[in-house]
Protein backbone atom coordinates (compact mmCIF):
# COMPACT_ATOMS: atom_id res chain seq x y z
CA MET A 1 -37.72 12.67 -39.10
CA ASP A 2 -41.32 11.71 -38.33
CA PHE A 3 -43.18 13.59 -35.61
CA ASP A 4 -46.45 11.66 -35.96
CA LEU A 5 -47.56 9.20 -33.30
CA THR A 6 -48.26 5.70 -34.54
CA ALA A 7 -51.77 4.28 -34.50
CA ALA A 8 -50.80 2.06 -31.55
CA GLN A 9 -49.47 5.03 -29.58
CA ARG A 10 -52.64 7.03 -30.18
CA MET A 11 -54.80 4.09 -29.16
CA ARG A 12 -52.88 3.61 -25.90
CA ARG A 13 -53.25 7.29 -25.03
CA GLU A 14 -56.96 7.27 -25.85
CA ALA A 15 -57.45 4.11 -23.79
CA ILE A 16 -55.81 5.74 -20.78
CA ALA A 17 -57.90 8.89 -21.19
CA GLU A 18 -61.10 6.85 -21.40
CA GLY A 19 -60.00 4.64 -18.51
CA VAL A 20 -59.38 7.65 -16.26
CA ARG A 21 -62.81 9.04 -17.14
CA THR A 22 -64.44 5.67 -16.38
CA LEU A 23 -62.50 4.52 -13.31
CA SER A 24 -61.69 7.93 -11.76
CA PRO A 25 -58.47 6.72 -10.09
CA GLY A 26 -57.65 10.15 -8.63
CA ARG A 27 -59.23 13.39 -7.46
CA LEU A 28 -58.23 16.78 -6.15
CA ARG A 29 -56.95 16.30 -2.62
CA ALA A 30 -58.33 18.25 0.34
CA GLY A 31 -55.09 18.69 2.28
CA PRO A 32 -51.58 17.38 3.04
CA ASP A 33 -53.01 14.37 4.89
CA ASP A 34 -55.33 13.34 2.05
CA HIS A 35 -53.37 10.61 0.21
CA PHE A 36 -54.26 8.02 -2.36
CA ASP A 37 -55.20 4.61 -1.04
CA ARG A 38 -54.93 1.09 -2.42
CA ALA A 39 -58.28 1.44 -4.17
CA ASP A 40 -56.96 4.42 -6.14
CA TRP A 41 -53.77 2.50 -6.85
CA ALA A 42 -55.69 -0.54 -8.07
CA LYS A 43 -57.61 1.61 -10.56
CA ALA A 44 -54.35 2.98 -11.95
CA ALA A 45 -53.00 -0.56 -12.14
CA GLU A 46 -56.12 -1.68 -14.01
CA LEU A 47 -55.10 0.77 -16.75
CA GLY A 48 -51.68 -0.92 -16.94
CA LEU A 49 -49.86 2.13 -15.57
CA THR A 50 -47.97 0.32 -12.81
CA GLY A 51 -46.26 -2.00 -15.29
CA LEU A 52 -45.88 0.03 -18.51
CA CYS A 53 -42.20 -0.66 -19.15
CA LEU A 54 -41.78 -3.83 -17.11
CA PRO A 55 -41.15 -7.08 -19.00
CA VAL A 56 -44.11 -8.86 -20.58
CA SER A 57 -42.77 -12.10 -19.10
CA HIS A 58 -43.56 -10.71 -15.64
CA GLY A 59 -46.91 -9.08 -16.39
CA GLY A 60 -45.68 -5.74 -17.68
CA GLY A 61 -46.43 -3.89 -20.86
CA GLY A 62 -42.91 -4.22 -22.30
CA LEU A 63 -42.93 -0.60 -23.51
CA GLY A 64 -39.88 1.50 -24.29
CA ALA A 65 -39.11 4.88 -22.79
CA LEU A 66 -41.01 6.98 -25.34
CA ASP A 67 -44.16 4.88 -25.21
CA THR A 68 -43.98 4.87 -21.41
CA ALA A 69 -43.69 8.66 -21.42
CA LEU A 70 -46.64 9.02 -23.78
CA CYS A 71 -48.81 6.97 -21.43
CA LEU A 72 -47.70 8.94 -18.37
CA GLU A 73 -48.42 12.16 -20.26
CA ALA A 74 -51.96 10.98 -20.97
CA PHE A 75 -52.42 9.99 -17.32
CA GLY A 76 -51.14 13.38 -16.13
CA GLU A 77 -53.48 15.18 -18.50
CA HIS A 78 -56.68 13.41 -17.51
CA CYS A 79 -56.08 12.58 -13.83
CA PRO A 80 -56.50 15.62 -11.55
CA ASP A 81 -54.46 13.94 -8.81
CA THR A 82 -50.87 14.66 -9.83
CA GLY A 83 -49.71 13.02 -6.60
CA LEU A 84 -51.16 9.67 -7.67
CA ALA A 85 -49.57 10.00 -11.11
CA PHE A 86 -46.25 10.84 -9.47
CA GLY A 87 -46.48 7.88 -7.10
CA VAL A 88 -47.21 5.48 -9.96
CA ALA A 89 -44.32 6.85 -12.02
CA ALA A 90 -41.89 6.66 -9.09
CA HIS A 91 -42.95 3.06 -8.37
CA LEU A 92 -42.47 2.11 -12.01
CA LEU A 93 -39.28 3.96 -12.93
CA ALA A 94 -37.24 4.26 -9.74
CA CYS A 95 -38.17 0.79 -8.49
CA GLY A 96 -39.58 -1.46 -11.20
CA VAL A 97 -36.91 -0.59 -13.76
CA PRO A 98 -33.89 -1.48 -11.55
CA VAL A 99 -35.55 -4.64 -10.23
CA ALA A 100 -36.25 -5.77 -13.79
CA ALA A 101 -32.70 -4.99 -14.94
CA PHE A 102 -30.58 -6.04 -11.95
CA ALA A 103 -32.45 -8.41 -9.62
CA THR A 104 -31.68 -12.11 -9.46
CA PRO A 105 -34.13 -14.33 -11.36
CA GLU A 106 -35.56 -15.50 -8.04
CA THR A 107 -36.21 -11.95 -6.85
CA ARG A 108 -37.65 -10.88 -10.20
CA ASP A 109 -40.07 -13.80 -10.06
CA GLN A 110 -41.02 -12.89 -6.49
CA LEU A 111 -41.53 -9.14 -6.96
CA LEU A 112 -42.07 -8.07 -10.55
CA LEU A 113 -45.46 -9.64 -11.22
CA GLY A 114 -46.94 -7.92 -8.17
CA MET A 115 -45.26 -4.64 -9.03
CA ALA A 116 -46.61 -4.82 -12.57
CA ASP A 117 -50.20 -5.64 -11.60
CA GLY A 118 -50.25 -3.19 -8.71
CA THR A 119 -50.68 -5.67 -5.87
CA LEU A 120 -47.25 -4.62 -4.62
CA ILE A 121 -46.42 -0.93 -4.11
CA ALA A 122 -42.77 0.05 -4.30
CA ALA A 123 -40.90 3.04 -2.88
CA ASN A 124 -37.45 4.38 -3.69
CA ALA A 125 -35.53 4.89 -0.43
CA MET A 126 -32.38 6.65 -1.61
CA THR A 127 -32.41 10.20 -0.23
CA GLU A 128 -30.85 10.95 3.15
CA ALA A 129 -31.10 14.15 5.17
CA ALA A 130 -27.37 14.84 4.74
CA ALA A 131 -27.07 13.40 1.23
CA GLY A 132 -29.69 14.93 -1.02
CA SER A 133 -27.92 15.59 -4.30
CA ASP A 134 -24.65 14.04 -3.08
CA VAL A 135 -25.73 10.46 -3.68
CA GLY A 136 -22.16 9.16 -3.53
CA ARG A 137 -21.92 9.70 0.23
CA LEU A 138 -24.53 7.64 1.99
CA ASP A 139 -24.55 7.23 5.77
CA THR A 140 -26.72 4.11 5.54
CA THR A 141 -24.49 1.05 5.71
CA ALA A 142 -24.85 -2.57 4.61
CA THR A 143 -22.55 -4.99 6.42
CA VAL A 144 -22.07 -8.55 5.23
CA ASP A 145 -23.22 -11.16 7.74
CA GLY A 146 -23.10 -14.65 6.28
CA GLU A 147 -25.60 -14.79 3.41
CA ALA A 148 -27.23 -11.49 4.32
CA TYR A 149 -26.50 -7.77 4.47
CA VAL A 150 -27.34 -5.94 7.68
CA LEU A 151 -28.69 -2.47 6.85
CA ASP A 152 -28.52 0.41 9.30
CA GLY A 153 -29.50 3.99 8.57
CA VAL A 154 -32.30 6.43 7.86
CA LYS A 155 -33.79 7.49 4.52
CA THR A 156 -36.21 10.34 3.96
CA PHE A 157 -38.56 11.75 1.30
CA ALA A 158 -39.35 8.19 0.20
CA SER A 159 -42.43 8.59 -2.02
CA ASN A 160 -45.04 5.82 -1.51
CA ALA A 161 -43.18 4.54 1.57
CA PRO A 162 -46.12 4.71 4.03
CA LEU A 163 -48.07 2.31 1.76
CA ALA A 164 -45.15 0.35 0.32
CA ASP A 165 -44.63 -3.38 0.27
CA VAL A 166 -41.06 -3.22 -1.03
CA LEU A 167 -38.29 -0.62 -0.92
CA VAL A 168 -35.53 -0.13 -3.45
CA SER A 169 -32.72 1.24 -1.34
CA TYR A 170 -29.01 1.99 -1.45
CA ALA A 171 -26.32 1.65 1.20
CA THR A 172 -22.58 1.92 1.62
CA THR A 173 -20.82 -1.44 1.64
CA ASP A 174 -17.24 -0.08 1.39
CA ARG A 175 -16.62 3.44 2.70
CA ARG A 176 -13.13 3.57 1.18
CA ALA A 177 -14.35 2.96 -2.38
CA GLY A 178 -16.47 6.11 -2.71
CA PHE A 179 -19.24 5.77 -5.28
CA LEU A 180 -17.91 2.30 -6.11
CA GLY A 181 -18.66 1.24 -2.55
CA ILE A 182 -22.44 1.62 -2.77
CA SER A 183 -24.77 -1.34 -3.24
CA ALA A 184 -28.46 -1.54 -4.14
CA PHE A 185 -31.17 -3.69 -2.58
CA ALA A 186 -34.85 -4.56 -3.00
CA VAL A 187 -36.04 -4.76 0.60
CA PRO A 188 -39.43 -6.30 1.44
CA CYS A 189 -41.05 -4.11 4.09
CA GLU A 190 -42.05 -7.20 6.05
CA LEU A 191 -38.43 -7.87 7.03
CA PRO A 192 -37.61 -7.29 10.72
CA GLY A 193 -35.75 -4.03 11.24
CA VAL A 194 -37.70 -2.00 8.65
CA ALA A 195 -39.71 0.90 10.09
CA VAL A 196 -41.61 3.45 8.00
CA GLY A 197 -42.68 6.73 9.55
CA ASP A 198 -45.90 8.66 9.13
CA PRO A 199 -46.43 10.64 5.92
CA LEU A 200 -44.44 13.86 5.83
CA PRO A 201 -46.46 17.09 5.45
CA LYS A 202 -45.64 18.53 2.02
CA MET A 203 -46.42 21.70 0.08
CA GLY A 204 -47.73 19.79 -2.91
CA LEU A 205 -48.24 16.35 -4.44
CA TRP A 206 -50.58 15.70 -1.52
CA GLY A 207 -51.92 12.54 -3.10
CA CYS A 208 -48.54 10.79 -2.86
CA PRO A 209 -47.52 9.97 0.73
CA ALA A 210 -43.79 10.31 1.42
CA GLY A 211 -42.14 9.09 4.58
CA GLU A 212 -38.99 8.39 6.49
CA VAL A 213 -37.58 4.86 6.37
CA ARG A 214 -35.41 3.50 9.15
CA PHE A 215 -33.25 0.39 8.88
CA ASP A 216 -32.30 -0.94 12.31
CA ALA A 217 -30.07 -4.02 12.03
CA CYS A 218 -32.26 -5.16 9.12
CA ALA A 219 -30.91 -8.45 7.75
CA VAL A 220 -31.54 -8.48 4.00
CA PRO A 221 -30.85 -11.85 2.32
CA GLU A 222 -28.18 -11.64 -0.37
CA ARG A 223 -30.70 -12.62 -3.07
CA TYR A 224 -32.32 -9.19 -2.69
CA ARG A 225 -29.17 -7.35 -3.74
CA LEU A 226 -29.56 -5.62 -7.12
CA GLY A 227 -26.55 -6.18 -9.30
CA GLU A 228 -23.15 -6.93 -7.85
CA GLU A 229 -21.80 -5.58 -4.59
CA GLY A 230 -20.50 -2.08 -5.26
CA GLN A 231 -22.68 -1.66 -8.36
CA GLY A 232 -25.27 0.46 -6.59
CA SER A 233 -24.25 3.72 -8.25
CA ALA A 234 -24.65 2.14 -11.69
CA VAL A 235 -28.04 0.72 -10.68
CA PHE A 236 -29.13 4.14 -9.47
CA GLN A 237 -27.93 5.94 -12.60
CA HIS A 238 -29.78 3.40 -14.77
CA SER A 239 -33.02 4.04 -12.91
CA MET A 240 -32.43 7.81 -13.00
CA ARG A 241 -32.07 7.77 -16.79
CA TRP A 242 -35.55 6.30 -16.98
CA GLU A 243 -37.02 8.46 -14.24
CA ARG A 244 -35.57 11.76 -15.49
CA SER A 245 -36.60 10.95 -19.05
CA CYS A 246 -40.10 9.57 -18.50
CA LEU A 247 -41.51 10.82 -15.21
CA PRO A 248 -41.64 14.53 -16.22
CA ALA A 249 -44.04 13.48 -18.99
CA LEU A 250 -46.86 13.49 -16.44
CA TYR A 251 -46.20 17.23 -16.11
CA LEU A 252 -46.57 17.63 -19.86
CA GLY A 253 -50.05 16.23 -19.37
CA LEU A 254 -50.74 18.62 -16.50
CA LEU A 255 -49.54 21.55 -18.63
CA ALA A 256 -51.75 20.53 -21.56
CA ARG A 257 -54.80 20.38 -19.28
CA GLN A 258 -53.83 23.67 -17.66
CA LEU A 259 -53.37 25.42 -21.02
CA GLN A 260 -56.83 24.29 -22.11
CA GLN A 261 -58.34 25.57 -18.87
CA CYS A 262 -56.63 28.94 -19.26
CA THR A 263 -57.68 29.28 -22.89
CA GLU A 264 -61.30 28.50 -22.09
CA HIS A 265 -61.31 30.84 -19.10
CA ALA A 266 -59.77 33.69 -21.10
CA GLY A 267 -62.49 33.23 -23.70
CA VAL A 268 -65.41 33.63 -21.30
CA ARG A 269 -64.13 35.80 -18.45
CA ARG A 270 -65.11 39.41 -19.21
CA GLN A 271 -63.56 42.58 -17.83
CA PHE A 272 -64.15 46.13 -19.03
CA GLY A 273 -66.66 44.98 -21.61
CA ARG A 274 -64.81 42.16 -23.39
CA GLU A 275 -63.21 38.77 -22.87
CA ILE A 276 -59.83 38.97 -21.13
CA GLY A 277 -58.31 36.87 -23.93
CA LYS A 278 -58.74 39.89 -26.20
CA TYR A 279 -56.14 41.77 -24.17
CA GLN A 280 -52.52 41.22 -25.21
CA ALA A 281 -51.48 41.01 -21.56
CA VAL A 282 -53.46 37.76 -21.35
CA SER A 283 -53.23 36.39 -24.90
CA HIS A 284 -49.44 36.75 -25.02
CA ARG A 285 -49.18 35.07 -21.64
CA VAL A 286 -51.14 32.11 -23.05
CA ALA A 287 -48.87 32.10 -26.12
CA ARG A 288 -45.78 31.87 -23.92
CA MET A 289 -47.37 29.01 -21.98
CA ARG A 290 -47.91 27.16 -25.25
CA LEU A 291 -44.31 27.82 -26.30
CA ARG A 292 -42.87 26.42 -23.08
CA LEU A 293 -45.08 23.33 -23.28
CA GLU A 294 -44.28 22.52 -26.91
CA GLY A 295 -40.54 23.07 -26.46
CA ALA A 296 -40.40 20.93 -23.32
CA ARG A 297 -42.41 18.17 -25.00
CA LEU A 298 -40.02 17.96 -27.96
CA LEU A 299 -36.99 17.82 -25.65
CA LEU A 300 -38.55 15.06 -23.56
CA TYR A 301 -39.59 13.00 -26.57
CA ARG A 302 -36.04 13.27 -27.93
CA ALA A 303 -34.49 12.19 -24.63
CA CYS A 304 -36.78 9.15 -24.51
CA TRP A 305 -36.07 8.31 -28.15
CA LEU A 306 -32.33 8.38 -27.46
CA LEU A 307 -32.81 6.13 -24.42
CA ASP A 308 -34.78 3.66 -26.51
CA HIS A 309 -31.88 3.56 -28.99
CA GLU A 310 -29.42 2.88 -26.15
CA ARG A 311 -27.74 6.25 -26.60
CA HIS A 312 -27.17 7.33 -23.02
CA ASP A 313 -27.10 11.05 -23.65
CA GLU A 314 -27.11 12.53 -20.15
CA THR A 315 -27.20 16.07 -21.54
CA SER A 316 -30.40 15.48 -23.50
CA ILE A 317 -32.00 14.03 -20.39
CA ALA A 318 -30.84 16.99 -18.30
CA LEU A 319 -32.13 19.45 -20.89
CA SER A 320 -35.55 17.83 -21.07
CA LYS A 321 -35.94 17.43 -17.30
CA THR A 322 -34.99 21.07 -16.76
CA ALA A 323 -37.25 22.33 -19.54
CA VAL A 324 -40.31 20.45 -18.29
CA SER A 325 -39.85 21.34 -14.62
CA GLU A 326 -39.15 25.02 -15.33
CA ALA A 327 -42.14 25.18 -17.70
CA ALA A 328 -44.37 23.59 -15.07
CA VAL A 329 -43.54 26.27 -12.51
CA ALA A 330 -43.65 29.20 -14.95
CA ASN A 331 -46.90 28.11 -16.60
CA SER A 332 -48.55 27.44 -13.25
CA LEU A 333 -47.68 30.96 -12.08
CA ASP A 334 -49.15 32.29 -15.33
CA ALA A 335 -52.29 30.20 -14.80
CA VAL A 336 -52.83 31.70 -11.35
CA GLN A 337 -52.42 35.17 -12.84
CA ILE A 338 -54.90 34.47 -15.65
CA PHE A 339 -57.52 33.14 -13.23
CA GLY A 340 -56.83 35.93 -10.75
CA GLY A 341 -58.39 35.53 -7.34
CA ALA A 342 -60.21 32.38 -8.45
CA GLY A 343 -56.84 30.82 -9.26
CA TYR A 344 -55.62 31.49 -5.73
CA LEU A 345 -58.56 29.76 -4.09
CA CYS A 346 -58.40 26.10 -3.14
CA GLY A 347 -60.80 23.73 -4.80
CA GLY A 348 -60.58 24.95 -8.37
CA GLY A 349 -57.40 23.06 -9.15
CA ILE A 350 -55.27 25.97 -10.39
CA GLU A 351 -53.43 26.61 -7.13
CA ALA A 352 -52.90 22.86 -6.77
CA GLN A 353 -51.12 22.82 -10.14
CA LEU A 354 -48.65 25.38 -8.85
CA ARG A 355 -48.03 23.50 -5.60
CA ASP A 356 -47.60 20.23 -7.47
CA SER A 357 -45.17 21.80 -9.96
CA ILE A 358 -42.71 23.23 -7.44
CA PRO A 359 -41.12 19.87 -6.52
CA ALA A 360 -40.44 19.11 -10.21
CA THR A 361 -37.35 21.31 -9.93
CA LEU A 362 -36.15 19.28 -6.92
CA PHE A 363 -36.78 15.55 -7.33
CA SER A 364 -34.69 13.24 -9.56
CA GLY A 365 -31.84 15.74 -9.44
CA THR A 366 -32.41 19.45 -8.86
CA THR A 367 -32.37 22.00 -11.66
CA GLU A 368 -28.93 23.03 -10.38
CA ILE A 369 -27.61 19.47 -10.78
CA GLN A 370 -29.08 19.27 -14.29
CA SER A 371 -27.45 22.60 -15.15
CA GLU A 372 -24.10 21.26 -13.96
CA LEU A 373 -24.47 18.25 -16.27
CA ILE A 374 -25.32 20.53 -19.20
CA ALA A 375 -22.41 22.89 -18.50
CA ARG A 376 -19.97 20.01 -18.06
CA GLU A 377 -20.88 18.60 -21.48
CA ALA A 378 -20.21 22.07 -22.92
CA GLY A 379 -16.68 21.92 -21.55
CA LEU A 380 -17.14 24.32 -18.65
């Protein structure tokens, strides 16, 4: 068992770190309406981040899950805009991965090159107001009409949607078949009948705009279907394996940056005649932050390694996703406490880390859903 990164892995991480320092693709956001723009996106794309695991034949990096996660971790560590990192990861994993794996050759040729080089922005339009975690019961329908599917319904919380060029979406094609009656589609936003709402005001991840998507008698040509009719649940689960395994890596990067900030602050901030890091109340808090980070990192690396070896271990993925998201919230609360009043003020970045960490326990399957998967594997 070798825990060392290869020379190639270290070089990729260092290149991303240097690229972020040079290009500055993201910054701390001023408020809920301050989102990334296409210039920010293009800088992230210049670093290869929008195509990490997409096929080389279509302009991607051809990386596996672990290497993709390592790159996202580096991006999360050096880019202060966690919303931009989240938007890039969602575009890549929830959209690029299923298009690469399930689209027709014609659709792959049309979409993947632009998705890989960042000229096309993709959004995952799966969630519905009445079907958050219950993804097997979608109100959005897709009705066959000749050589097209007519989509009707409303999606919400679609990250990147206000800037998107293409939507990966899911709809019910056979209500009687349950989860076997759901189909997946790559929907160009230019099609008549697609309407994207204004960005939703959110607690955190301000850099990533999320919006409502409405399909109103939207005729989607059959060639844009992903996989076979009724295969939508399998398409979604495939993309979720990648998203739940790799996307939380950007939070590992955030936690590494945060831990460094807390350690440096505890070493210079003085109270009652000495540095606060000399008090066990602070030093032990920092030690627990390190413990959560290192444990979550090992679980995530293992989940990605298993995915690369085609061992679809849903429990390992659930364990790693839960560990990273719970660590992100707990460590961010600790960081605010270590910085005190300065950590509560906007502009320093500490309070933003807490706001950006809260949704990690919600997206890609809530902590409660992950716990159910873990308990089920244990026989409960």
